[in-house]
Protein backbone atom coordinates (compact mmCIF):
# COMPACT_ATOMS: atom_id res chain seq x y z
CA MET A 1 -15.14 22.24 33.71
CA ASP A 2 -12.02 19.55 32.71
CA SER A 3 -9.82 20.93 30.66
CA HIS A 4 -9.10 17.68 29.41
CA ILE A 5 -12.01 17.79 27.68
CA LEU A 6 -11.52 18.28 23.75
CA GLU A 7 -13.84 20.73 21.71
CA PRO A 8 -15.27 19.20 18.43
CA THR A 9 -13.19 20.33 15.58
CA LEU A 10 -13.73 20.11 11.77
CA TYR A 11 -10.03 20.52 11.73
CA THR A 12 -9.43 16.11 11.53
CA VAL A 13 -6.80 15.43 9.00
CA LYS A 14 -3.32 16.42 9.78
CA ALA A 15 -2.03 14.93 6.56
CA VAL A 16 -2.87 12.76 3.82
CA LEU A 17 0.42 10.95 2.58
CA ILE A 18 1.11 8.49 -0.54
CA LEU A 19 4.47 6.36 -0.36
CA ASP A 20 5.92 4.20 -2.52
CA SER A 21 7.20 0.41 -2.15
CA ASP A 22 10.33 1.60 -0.85
CA GLY A 23 9.04 4.37 1.83
CA GLU A 24 9.62 6.95 -0.43
CA ARG A 25 6.95 10.11 -0.76
CA LEU A 26 5.47 9.97 -4.21
CA TYR A 27 2.59 12.67 -2.70
CA ALA A 28 2.22 14.49 0.91
CA LYS A 29 -0.10 17.38 2.26
CA TYR A 30 0.21 18.39 5.50
CA TYR A 31 -2.33 20.42 7.09
CA ASP A 32 -0.91 21.78 10.40
CA GLU A 33 2.50 22.72 11.70
CA THR A 34 2.70 19.22 13.90
CA TYR A 35 5.59 18.36 11.44
CA PRO A 36 7.19 22.42 10.26
CA SER A 37 9.88 21.09 8.04
CA VAL A 38 10.56 19.10 5.28
CA LYS A 39 13.39 16.85 7.41
CA GLU A 40 10.76 16.56 10.08
CA GLN A 41 7.71 15.15 8.15
CA LYS A 42 10.28 12.68 6.09
CA ALA A 43 11.62 11.26 9.40
CA PHE A 44 8.08 10.75 10.02
CA GLU A 45 6.86 9.01 7.04
CA LYS A 46 9.90 6.54 7.40
CA ASN A 47 8.64 6.22 10.78
CA ILE A 48 5.20 5.54 9.60
CA PHE A 49 6.35 3.37 6.63
CA ASN A 50 8.85 1.22 8.97
CA LYS A 51 5.78 0.30 11.15
CA THR A 52 3.18 -0.11 8.99
CA GLN A 53 4.72 -1.98 5.57
CA ARG A 54 3.97 -5.43 6.83
CA THR A 55 1.36 -5.70 8.84
CA ASP A 56 -2.74 -6.24 8.11
CA SER A 57 -4.17 -3.83 10.09
CA GLU A 58 -5.50 -0.42 8.69
CA ILE A 59 -4.46 1.65 12.29
CA ALA A 60 -1.86 2.63 14.10
CA PHE A 61 -1.57 4.82 16.39
CA ILE A 62 2.17 6.60 15.75
CA GLU A 63 4.06 9.52 17.51
CA GLY A 64 0.77 10.57 18.97
CA LEU A 65 -1.36 10.20 15.65
CA THR A 66 -3.53 7.84 14.56
CA VAL A 67 -2.86 6.64 10.91
CA VAL A 68 -5.14 4.74 8.96
CA TYR A 69 -3.36 3.04 5.98
CA LYS A 70 -3.86 0.73 3.05
CA SER A 71 -1.47 -0.69 0.55
CA ASN A 72 -1.92 -1.72 -3.38
CA ILE A 73 0.49 -2.85 -5.05
CA ASP A 74 3.43 -0.87 -5.10
CA LEU A 75 1.83 2.47 -3.52
CA TYR A 76 0.95 2.74 0.49
CA PHE A 77 -1.67 5.48 1.43
CA TYR A 78 -2.14 7.35 5.01
CA VAL A 79 -4.19 9.20 6.16
CA ILE A 80 -3.43 10.85 9.79
CA GLY A 81 -5.38 12.27 12.29
CA SER A 82 -4.31 13.87 16.11
CA SER A 83 -4.95 10.66 19.04
CA HIS A 84 -8.84 11.92 19.36
CA GLU A 85 -9.61 11.70 16.14
CA ASN A 86 -12.52 9.15 15.12
CA GLU A 87 -10.69 6.45 13.10
CA LEU A 88 -13.87 5.73 11.18
CA MET A 89 -13.68 9.46 9.63
CA LEU A 90 -10.20 9.07 8.58
CA MET A 91 -11.04 5.91 7.09
CA SER A 92 -13.90 7.29 4.67
CA VAL A 93 -11.14 9.82 3.85
CA LEU A 94 -8.45 7.34 2.63
CA ASN A 95 -11.24 5.10 0.85
CA CYS A 96 -12.42 8.08 -0.55
CA LEU A 97 -9.39 9.25 -2.01
CA PHE A 98 -8.23 5.44 -2.85
CA ASP A 99 -11.48 4.81 -4.85
CA SER A 100 -11.86 8.07 -6.45
CA LEU A 101 -8.03 7.53 -7.64
CA SER A 102 -8.80 3.82 -8.53
CA GLN A 103 -11.41 5.28 -11.16
CA MET A 104 -9.80 7.89 -12.65
CA LEU A 105 -6.95 5.27 -13.00
CA ARG A 106 -9.57 2.81 -14.57
CA LYS A 107 -8.49 0.55 -11.34
CA ASN A 108 -5.05 0.97 -12.33
CA VAL A 109 -3.58 2.29 -8.73
CA GLU A 110 0.05 1.97 -9.19
CA ARG A 111 3.08 3.57 -9.20
CA ARG A 112 3.60 4.52 -12.66
CA ALA A 113 -0.03 5.75 -13.58
CA LEU A 114 -0.27 7.54 -10.57
CA LEU A 115 2.57 9.28 -11.45
CA GLU A 116 1.32 9.98 -15.50
CA ASN A 117 -1.63 11.10 -13.43
CA MET A 118 -0.57 13.36 -10.73
CA GLU A 119 -2.75 16.57 -11.44
CA GLY A 120 -6.03 14.51 -11.13
CA LEU A 121 -4.65 12.89 -7.37
CA PHE A 122 -3.78 16.84 -6.80
CA LEU A 123 -7.28 17.69 -7.65
CA ALA A 124 -8.91 14.84 -5.42
CA VAL A 125 -7.11 15.34 -2.65
CA ASP A 126 -8.46 18.94 -2.80
CA GLU A 127 -11.87 17.99 -3.84
CA ILE A 128 -11.80 15.58 -0.37
CA VAL A 129 -9.70 17.49 2.28
CA ASP A 130 -9.14 21.39 2.47
CA GLU A 131 -7.40 22.76 5.28
CA GLY A 132 -8.02 19.59 6.80
CA VAL A 133 -11.74 19.83 7.03
CA ILE A 134 -12.96 16.83 5.17
CA LEU A 135 -15.32 18.25 2.38
CA GLU A 136 -16.61 15.08 0.47
CA SER A 137 -16.49 11.35 0.79
CA ASP A 138 -18.25 9.94 -1.81
CA PRO A 139 -15.74 8.98 -4.58
CA GLN A 140 -18.27 9.49 -7.41
CA GLN A 141 -18.75 12.97 -6.55
CA VAL A 142 -15.21 13.81 -6.45
CA VAL A 143 -14.49 11.85 -9.69
CA TYR A 144 -17.30 14.61 -11.08
CA ARG A 145 -15.82 17.43 -10.04
CA VAL A 146 -12.43 16.15 -10.92
CA ALA A 147 -13.25 15.79 -14.54
CA LEU A 148 -15.11 19.19 -14.69
CA ARG A 149 -11.92 21.29 -13.00
CA GLY A 150 -9.60 19.15 -15.71
CA ASP A 151 -9.69 20.44 -19.09
CA ASP A 152 -12.63 18.99 -20.22
CA VAL A 153 -11.41 16.15 -21.09
CA PRO A 154 -12.30 13.80 -18.50
CA LEU A 155 -9.18 12.10 -16.79
CA THR A 156 -10.96 8.13 -17.46
CA GLU A 157 -10.10 9.35 -21.17
CA GLN A 158 -7.05 10.47 -20.80
CA THR A 159 -6.18 7.52 -19.01
CA MET A 160 -7.57 4.95 -21.65
CA SER A 161 -5.36 6.29 -24.14
CA GLN A 162 -2.38 6.35 -22.21
CA VAL A 163 -2.91 2.44 -21.29
CA LEU A 164 -3.48 2.08 -24.95
CA GLN A 165 -0.77 3.24 -25.98
CA SER A 166 1.05 1.68 -23.20
CA ALA A 167 0.08 -2.04 -24.30
CA LYS A 168 1.00 -0.70 -27.53
CA GLU A 169 4.59 0.01 -26.55
CA GLN A 170 4.36 -3.61 -24.47
CA ILE A 171 3.56 -5.63 -27.39
CA LYS A 172 6.17 -3.46 -29.63
CA TRP A 173 8.66 -4.69 -27.27
CA SER A 174 7.87 -8.16 -26.90
CA LEU A 175 7.94 -8.70 -30.65
CA LEU A 176 11.21 -7.25 -30.89
CA ARG A 177 13.01 -10.17 -28.29
């Protein structure tokens, strides 16, 4: 039997990353020891950001890994798998994460809103991927489960009150100018 043939595995995701528009880490979850130290992880993140920030494609092969990515306003979302991983599987994780966050943040998927809702992000990623195994690809299910796991207050309601508060502050500051 050929030793190059790889056995199928459920462990498809090596990492989920969210970087800001400067390439700085906002969220990173690594599921294996490909990059064991924070220093190696940050170097990898800088490398993928530099190679993907100005491109329109959605897939890259960097450092022997398959990287699928998407950017929105001031955020860059990455899902990383091995070089032989199915890009469509990785893309389903990426789209599920982005669409879940989009619903949770009322389509306001940008740095500030994300930082104000990090708990929701952690819960969403945990619902989508566990130890590198894809559990869910339906954003409706993810949002529903995150709301159940929250403090019995759906994240969308929390977010709405935060949006109203932010709007009030902006109006106040524009009147004071």
